[in-house]
Amino acid sequence: MRTEYERLESRREDFRNLTLKTRRTLEAIYRSSRSDADKRAAKADALAAMRAEYAGLKAGPWEGFAGYDAWFERANNAAFGVLGAYYEQVPQFEALFHAQGDDFDRFYAEVRRIAELPRAERHEALAR
């Protein structure tokens, strides 16, 4: 059981690293002074490289695990935006959990309270 969990965590970490690397590449492309056509071509190349690296993970250390296939098939700017928002706030939610004494009931109550705040105040509350 523990070995399976470790494999799952390793795959998640590989997924995070690969998608973060690709997201940074895409951000650099979008910030560049290239023409729109060049940006589109560079984006297509970056996504193709990401998918090729994913295929290498599947064929290699992931031993055929295909749990992320659908995500990689549909990967687009919106998908990267969602991942970015999620991964950027994970440390804040972990800190909030610890601030609530590692108590899930208190943590969920605090998350519900924060969710009711206006957006700017939500971000400020999580940053504390």
N, C-alpha and C. Protein backbone atom coordinates (compact mmCIF):
# COMPACT_ATOMS: atom_id res chain seq x y z
N MET A 1 0.82 -1.19 0.00
CA MET A 1 0.00 0.00 0.00
C MET A 1 0.87 1.27 0.00
N ARG A 2 1.88 1.28 0.85
CA ARG A 2 2.76 2.45 0.93
C ARG A 2 3.51 2.66 -0.39
N THR A 3 3.95 1.57 -1.00
CA THR A 3 4.67 1.68 -2.27
C THR A 3 3.78 2.30 -3.34
N GLU A 4 2.52 1.90 -3.39
CA GLU A 4 1.59 2.48 -4.37
C GLU A 4 1.40 3.97 -4.11
N TYR A 5 1.28 4.37 -2.86
CA TYR A 5 1.14 5.78 -2.52
C TYR A 5 2.39 6.55 -2.95
N GLU A 6 3.56 5.98 -2.72
CA GLU A 6 4.80 6.64 -3.12
C GLU A 6 4.86 6.81 -4.64
N ARG A 7 4.40 5.79 -5.38
CA ARG A 7 4.36 5.91 -6.85
C ARG A 7 3.39 7.01 -7.27
N LEU A 8 2.24 7.07 -6.63
CA LEU A 8 1.25 8.10 -6.93
C LEU A 8 1.83 9.49 -6.67
N GLU A 9 2.47 9.66 -5.53
CA GLU A 9 3.08 10.95 -5.20
C GLU A 9 4.20 11.31 -6.17
N SER A 10 4.97 10.33 -6.59
CA SER A 10 6.04 10.58 -7.54
C SER A 10 5.47 11.05 -8.89
N ARG A 11 4.39 10.40 -9.32
CA ARG A 11 3.73 10.82 -10.58
C ARG A 11 3.17 12.23 -10.45
N ARG A 12 2.56 12.52 -9.31
CA ARG A 12 2.01 13.88 -9.10
C ARG A 12 3.12 14.92 -9.17
N GLU A 13 4.24 14.60 -8.55
CA GLU A 13 5.37 15.54 -8.57
C GLU A 13 5.90 15.70 -10.00
N ASP A 14 6.00 14.62 -10.74
CA ASP A 14 6.43 14.71 -12.15
C ASP A 14 5.44 15.56 -12.94
N PHE A 15 4.15 15.35 -12.71
CA PHE A 15 3.12 16.13 -13.40
C PHE A 15 3.27 17.60 -13.07
N ARG A 16 3.40 17.92 -11.79
CA ARG A 16 3.56 19.32 -11.38
C ARG A 16 4.80 19.94 -12.02
N ASN A 17 5.92 19.21 -11.99
CA ASN A 17 7.16 19.75 -12.56
C ASN A 17 7.03 19.99 -14.05
N LEU A 18 6.45 19.03 -14.75
CA LEU A 18 6.31 19.15 -16.21
C LEU A 18 5.36 20.29 -16.57
N THR A 19 4.24 20.37 -15.90
CA THR A 19 3.28 21.42 -16.25
C THR A 19 3.79 22.80 -15.83
N LEU A 20 4.50 22.88 -14.71
CA LEU A 20 5.06 24.16 -14.29
C LEU A 20 6.13 24.62 -15.29
N LYS A 21 6.97 23.70 -15.71
CA LYS A 21 8.01 24.04 -16.69
C LYS A 21 7.36 24.55 -17.98
N THR A 22 6.32 23.87 -18.43
CA THR A 22 5.64 24.27 -19.67
C THR A 22 4.94 25.61 -19.48
N ARG A 23 4.32 25.80 -18.33
CA ARG A 23 3.63 27.07 -18.05
C ARG A 23 4.63 28.21 -18.09
N ARG A 24 5.80 28.03 -17.52
CA ARG A 24 6.83 29.08 -17.55
C ARG A 24 7.31 29.35 -18.98
N THR A 25 7.44 28.29 -19.75
CA THR A 25 7.83 28.46 -21.15
C THR A 25 6.78 29.26 -21.89
N LEU A 26 5.51 28.92 -21.68
CA LEU A 26 4.42 29.64 -22.35
C LEU A 26 4.37 31.11 -21.91
N GLU A 27 4.57 31.36 -20.63
CA GLU A 27 4.58 32.74 -20.14
C GLU A 27 5.68 33.54 -20.82
N ALA A 28 6.84 32.94 -20.99
CA ALA A 28 7.95 33.63 -21.66
C ALA A 28 7.61 33.91 -23.13
N ILE A 29 6.95 32.97 -23.75
CA ILE A 29 6.53 33.17 -25.16
C ILE A 29 5.56 34.33 -25.23
N TYR A 30 4.56 34.36 -24.36
CA TYR A 30 3.54 35.41 -24.41
C TYR A 30 4.12 36.78 -24.10
N ARG A 31 5.14 36.83 -23.24
CA ARG A 31 5.76 38.12 -22.88
C ARG A 31 6.74 38.60 -23.95
N SER A 32 7.11 37.72 -24.84
CA SER A 32 8.13 38.07 -25.83
C SER A 32 7.58 39.08 -26.84
N SER A 33 8.50 39.64 -27.61
CA SER A 33 8.11 40.62 -28.63
C SER A 33 7.87 39.95 -29.99
N ARG A 34 7.75 38.65 -30.00
CA ARG A 34 7.51 37.92 -31.26
C ARG A 34 6.16 38.35 -31.85
N SER A 35 6.02 38.06 -33.12
CA SER A 35 4.73 38.30 -33.77
C SER A 35 3.72 37.29 -33.24
N ASP A 36 2.46 37.58 -33.42
CA ASP A 36 1.41 36.65 -32.98
C ASP A 36 1.57 35.29 -33.64
N ALA A 37 1.92 35.29 -34.92
CA ALA A 37 2.10 34.02 -35.63
C ALA A 37 3.26 33.23 -35.03
N ASP A 38 4.35 33.93 -34.72
CA ASP A 38 5.50 33.26 -34.11
C ASP A 38 5.15 32.73 -32.71
N LYS A 39 4.36 33.49 -31.97
CA LYS A 39 3.94 33.05 -30.64
C LYS A 39 3.08 31.79 -30.74
N ARG A 40 2.18 31.77 -31.71
CA ARG A 40 1.33 30.58 -31.89
C ARG A 40 2.19 29.35 -32.24
N ALA A 41 3.17 29.55 -33.10
CA ALA A 41 4.05 28.44 -33.49
C ALA A 41 4.89 27.98 -32.30
N ALA A 42 5.41 28.93 -31.53
CA ALA A 42 6.21 28.58 -30.35
C ALA A 42 5.36 27.86 -29.31
N LYS A 43 4.12 28.31 -29.16
CA LYS A 43 3.21 27.64 -28.23
C LYS A 43 2.97 26.20 -28.68
N ALA A 44 2.71 26.00 -29.95
CA ALA A 44 2.48 24.65 -30.47
C ALA A 44 3.71 23.78 -30.22
N ASP A 45 4.90 24.33 -30.43
CA ASP A 45 6.13 23.58 -30.18
C ASP A 45 6.28 23.23 -28.70
N ALA A 46 5.96 24.18 -27.83
CA ALA A 46 6.07 23.95 -26.38
C ALA A 46 5.10 22.85 -25.94
N LEU A 47 3.88 22.89 -26.45
CA LEU A 47 2.90 21.86 -26.09
C LEU A 47 3.30 20.50 -26.65
N ALA A 48 3.86 20.49 -27.85
CA ALA A 48 4.32 19.22 -28.42
C ALA A 48 5.47 18.65 -27.60
N ALA A 49 6.38 19.50 -27.15
CA ALA A 49 7.50 19.04 -26.32
C ALA A 49 6.98 18.51 -24.99
N MET A 50 6.00 19.19 -24.41
CA MET A 50 5.42 18.73 -23.16
C MET A 50 4.78 17.36 -23.33
N ARG A 51 4.01 17.20 -24.40
CA ARG A 51 3.35 15.91 -24.63
C ARG A 51 4.36 14.80 -24.89
N ALA A 52 5.46 15.13 -25.56
CA ALA A 52 6.50 14.13 -25.79
C ALA A 52 7.17 13.73 -24.48
N GLU A 53 7.41 14.70 -23.60
CA GLU A 53 8.00 14.39 -22.30
C GLU A 53 7.03 13.54 -21.47
N TYR A 54 5.74 13.86 -21.56
CA TYR A 54 4.74 13.06 -20.86
C TYR A 54 4.76 11.61 -21.37
N ALA A 55 4.84 11.46 -22.68
CA ALA A 55 4.89 10.10 -23.26
C ALA A 55 6.12 9.35 -22.73
N GLY A 56 7.23 10.07 -22.56
CA GLY A 56 8.43 9.45 -22.01
C GLY A 56 8.25 9.01 -20.56
N LEU A 57 7.53 9.81 -19.79
CA LEU A 57 7.24 9.43 -18.40
C LEU A 57 6.38 8.17 -18.37
N LYS A 58 5.35 8.16 -19.24
CA LYS A 58 4.45 7.00 -19.28
C LYS A 58 5.21 5.73 -19.67
N ALA A 59 6.06 5.86 -20.67
CA ALA A 59 6.79 4.68 -21.16
C ALA A 59 7.90 4.25 -20.22
N GLY A 60 8.37 5.20 -19.41
CA GLY A 60 9.49 4.91 -18.52
C GLY A 60 9.05 4.68 -17.09
N PRO A 61 9.36 5.65 -16.23
CA PRO A 61 9.15 5.43 -14.78
C PRO A 61 7.68 5.23 -14.38
N TRP A 62 6.75 5.69 -15.19
CA TRP A 62 5.33 5.54 -14.83
C TRP A 62 4.78 4.17 -15.23
N GLU A 63 5.56 3.40 -15.94
CA GLU A 63 5.19 2.02 -16.30
C GLU A 63 3.81 1.92 -16.93
N GLY A 64 3.53 2.83 -17.86
CA GLY A 64 2.27 2.78 -18.60
C GLY A 64 1.11 3.49 -17.94
N PHE A 65 1.29 4.08 -16.77
CA PHE A 65 0.20 4.80 -16.09
C PHE A 65 -0.33 5.89 -17.01
N ALA A 66 -1.64 5.88 -17.24
CA ALA A 66 -2.25 6.80 -18.20
C ALA A 66 -3.25 7.74 -17.55
N GLY A 67 -3.16 7.93 -16.25
CA GLY A 67 -4.14 8.72 -15.52
C GLY A 67 -4.21 10.19 -15.90
N TYR A 68 -3.20 10.70 -16.55
CA TYR A 68 -3.20 12.11 -16.95
C TYR A 68 -3.44 12.29 -18.46
N ASP A 69 -3.75 11.22 -19.16
CA ASP A 69 -3.92 11.30 -20.61
C ASP A 69 -4.92 12.38 -21.03
N ALA A 70 -6.09 12.38 -20.42
CA ALA A 70 -7.13 13.35 -20.81
C ALA A 70 -6.65 14.77 -20.62
N TRP A 71 -5.94 15.03 -19.50
CA TRP A 71 -5.47 16.39 -19.26
C TRP A 71 -4.50 16.82 -20.36
N PHE A 72 -3.55 15.95 -20.69
CA PHE A 72 -2.55 16.31 -21.70
C PHE A 72 -3.17 16.43 -23.09
N GLU A 73 -4.19 15.65 -23.38
CA GLU A 73 -4.86 15.76 -24.68
C GLU A 73 -5.56 17.10 -24.83
N ARG A 74 -6.12 17.62 -23.74
CA ARG A 74 -6.89 18.86 -23.81
C ARG A 74 -6.14 20.08 -23.29
N ALA A 75 -4.89 19.95 -22.94
CA ALA A 75 -4.14 21.05 -22.33
C ALA A 75 -4.23 22.31 -23.18
N ASN A 76 -4.60 23.40 -22.53
CA ASN A 76 -4.69 24.70 -23.19
C ASN A 76 -4.40 25.79 -22.15
N ASN A 77 -4.50 27.04 -22.55
CA ASN A 77 -4.18 28.14 -21.64
C ASN A 77 -5.05 28.10 -20.38
N ALA A 78 -6.32 27.79 -20.53
CA ALA A 78 -7.21 27.75 -19.37
C ALA A 78 -6.77 26.66 -18.40
N ALA A 79 -6.38 25.51 -18.91
CA ALA A 79 -5.94 24.41 -18.04
C ALA A 79 -4.68 24.81 -17.27
N PHE A 80 -3.77 25.51 -17.92
CA PHE A 80 -2.57 25.97 -17.22
C PHE A 80 -2.91 27.04 -16.19
N GLY A 81 -3.89 27.88 -16.50
CA GLY A 81 -4.32 28.90 -15.54
C GLY A 81 -4.88 28.29 -14.28
N VAL A 82 -5.70 27.27 -14.44
CA VAL A 82 -6.28 26.59 -13.28
C VAL A 82 -5.18 25.95 -12.44
N LEU A 83 -4.25 25.26 -13.09
CA LEU A 83 -3.14 24.64 -12.35
C LEU A 83 -2.32 25.68 -11.61
N GLY A 84 -2.05 26.78 -12.29
CA GLY A 84 -1.26 27.83 -11.66
C GLY A 84 -1.92 28.37 -10.42
N ALA A 85 -3.21 28.65 -10.52
CA ALA A 85 -3.94 29.16 -9.37
C ALA A 85 -3.93 28.15 -8.24
N TYR A 86 -4.11 26.90 -8.57
CA TYR A 86 -4.14 25.85 -7.55
C TYR A 86 -2.78 25.72 -6.86
N TYR A 87 -1.74 25.53 -7.64
CA TYR A 87 -0.43 25.27 -7.06
C TYR A 87 0.13 26.48 -6.32
N GLU A 88 -0.23 27.67 -6.75
CA GLU A 88 0.27 28.86 -6.07
C GLU A 88 -0.36 29.00 -4.69
N GLN A 89 -1.56 28.47 -4.49
CA GLN A 89 -2.23 28.64 -3.21
C GLN A 89 -2.12 27.44 -2.28
N VAL A 90 -1.62 26.33 -2.76
CA VAL A 90 -1.48 25.15 -1.89
C VAL A 90 -0.68 25.48 -0.63
N PRO A 91 0.48 26.12 -0.73
CA PRO A 91 1.22 26.42 0.50
C PRO A 91 0.42 27.29 1.48
N GLN A 92 -0.39 28.20 0.94
CA GLN A 92 -1.19 29.05 1.81
C GLN A 92 -2.25 28.24 2.54
N PHE A 93 -2.88 27.31 1.85
CA PHE A 93 -3.89 26.47 2.50
C PHE A 93 -3.25 25.51 3.50
N GLU A 94 -2.06 25.03 3.19
CA GLU A 94 -1.36 24.19 4.16
C GLU A 94 -1.04 24.97 5.43
N ALA A 95 -0.59 26.21 5.27
CA ALA A 95 -0.30 27.06 6.43
C ALA A 95 -1.58 27.34 7.22
N LEU A 96 -2.67 27.56 6.52
CA LEU A 96 -3.95 27.80 7.19
C LEU A 96 -4.37 26.57 7.99
N PHE A 97 -4.18 25.39 7.41
CA PHE A 97 -4.50 24.15 8.11
C PHE A 97 -3.69 24.04 9.41
N HIS A 98 -2.40 24.32 9.32
CA HIS A 98 -1.55 24.25 10.51
C HIS A 98 -1.94 25.33 11.53
N ALA A 99 -2.33 26.50 11.04
CA ALA A 99 -2.76 27.57 11.94
C ALA A 99 -4.03 27.20 12.69
N GLN A 100 -4.79 26.27 12.13
CA GLN A 100 -6.01 25.80 12.78
C GLN A 100 -5.73 24.56 13.63
N GLY A 101 -4.47 24.36 13.98
CA GLY A 101 -4.09 23.25 14.84
C GLY A 101 -4.19 21.89 14.16
N ASP A 102 -4.06 21.88 12.83
CA ASP A 102 -4.17 20.64 12.05
C ASP A 102 -5.51 19.95 12.30
N ASP A 103 -6.52 20.74 12.57
CA ASP A 103 -7.87 20.25 12.86
C ASP A 103 -8.75 20.50 11.63
N PHE A 104 -9.19 19.43 10.99
CA PHE A 104 -9.96 19.59 9.75
C PHE A 104 -11.26 20.36 9.96
N ASP A 105 -11.97 20.14 11.05
CA ASP A 105 -13.22 20.87 11.29
C ASP A 105 -12.97 22.37 11.38
N ARG A 106 -11.94 22.76 12.14
CA ARG A 106 -11.60 24.18 12.25
C ARG A 106 -11.12 24.73 10.91
N PHE A 107 -10.33 23.94 10.21
CA PHE A 107 -9.82 24.36 8.90
C PHE A 107 -10.97 24.61 7.93
N TYR A 108 -11.89 23.65 7.80
CA TYR A 108 -13.02 23.82 6.88
C TYR A 108 -13.89 25.01 7.27
N ALA A 109 -14.09 25.22 8.56
CA ALA A 109 -14.88 26.38 9.01
C ALA A 109 -14.18 27.67 8.60
N GLU A 110 -12.86 27.72 8.75
CA GLU A 110 -12.12 28.92 8.37
C GLU A 110 -12.13 29.11 6.85
N VAL A 111 -12.03 28.06 6.10
CA VAL A 111 -12.09 28.17 4.63
C VAL A 111 -13.47 28.70 4.21
N ARG A 112 -14.53 28.18 4.84
CA ARG A 112 -15.88 28.70 4.52
C ARG A 112 -15.98 30.18 4.85
N ARG A 113 -15.40 30.59 5.99
CA ARG A 113 -15.44 32.00 6.37
C ARG A 113 -14.70 32.85 5.34
N ILE A 114 -13.51 32.40 4.97
CA ILE A 114 -12.71 33.14 3.99
C ILE A 114 -13.40 33.20 2.64
N ALA A 115 -14.07 32.13 2.26
CA ALA A 115 -14.76 32.08 0.96
C ALA A 115 -15.84 33.14 0.84
N GLU A 116 -16.38 33.57 1.96
CA GLU A 116 -17.44 34.59 1.96
C GLU A 116 -16.90 36.00 1.80
N LEU A 117 -15.60 36.17 1.96
CA LEU A 117 -15.00 37.50 1.87
C LEU A 117 -14.91 37.96 0.41
N PRO A 118 -14.85 39.27 0.19
CA PRO A 118 -14.57 39.76 -1.16
C PRO A 118 -13.21 39.25 -1.62
N ARG A 119 -13.03 39.16 -2.90
CA ARG A 119 -11.83 38.52 -3.47
C ARG A 119 -10.52 39.05 -2.88
N ALA A 120 -10.35 40.36 -2.86
CA ALA A 120 -9.10 40.93 -2.36
C ALA A 120 -8.87 40.53 -0.91
N GLU A 121 -9.92 40.52 -0.12
CA GLU A 121 -9.79 40.13 1.29
C GLU A 121 -9.49 38.64 1.42
N ARG A 122 -10.03 37.82 0.52
CA ARG A 122 -9.72 36.38 0.54
C ARG A 122 -8.23 36.17 0.36
N HIS A 123 -7.67 36.83 -0.64
CA HIS A 123 -6.24 36.67 -0.91
C HIS A 123 -5.41 37.17 0.26
N GLU A 124 -5.84 38.27 0.85
CA GLU A 124 -5.13 38.82 2.00
C GLU A 124 -5.20 37.87 3.19
N ALA A 125 -6.38 37.29 3.43
CA ALA A 125 -6.55 36.35 4.54
C ALA A 125 -5.68 35.11 4.36
N LEU A 126 -5.56 34.63 3.14
CA LEU A 126 -4.71 33.46 2.89
C LEU A 126 -3.23 33.81 3.00
N ALA A 127 -2.90 35.02 2.69
CA ALA A 127 -1.48 35.43 2.73
C ALA A 127 -0.97 35.58 4.16
N ARG A 128 -1.89 35.76 5.12
CA ARG A 128 -1.47 35.93 6.52
C ARG A 128 -0.94 34.68 7.10
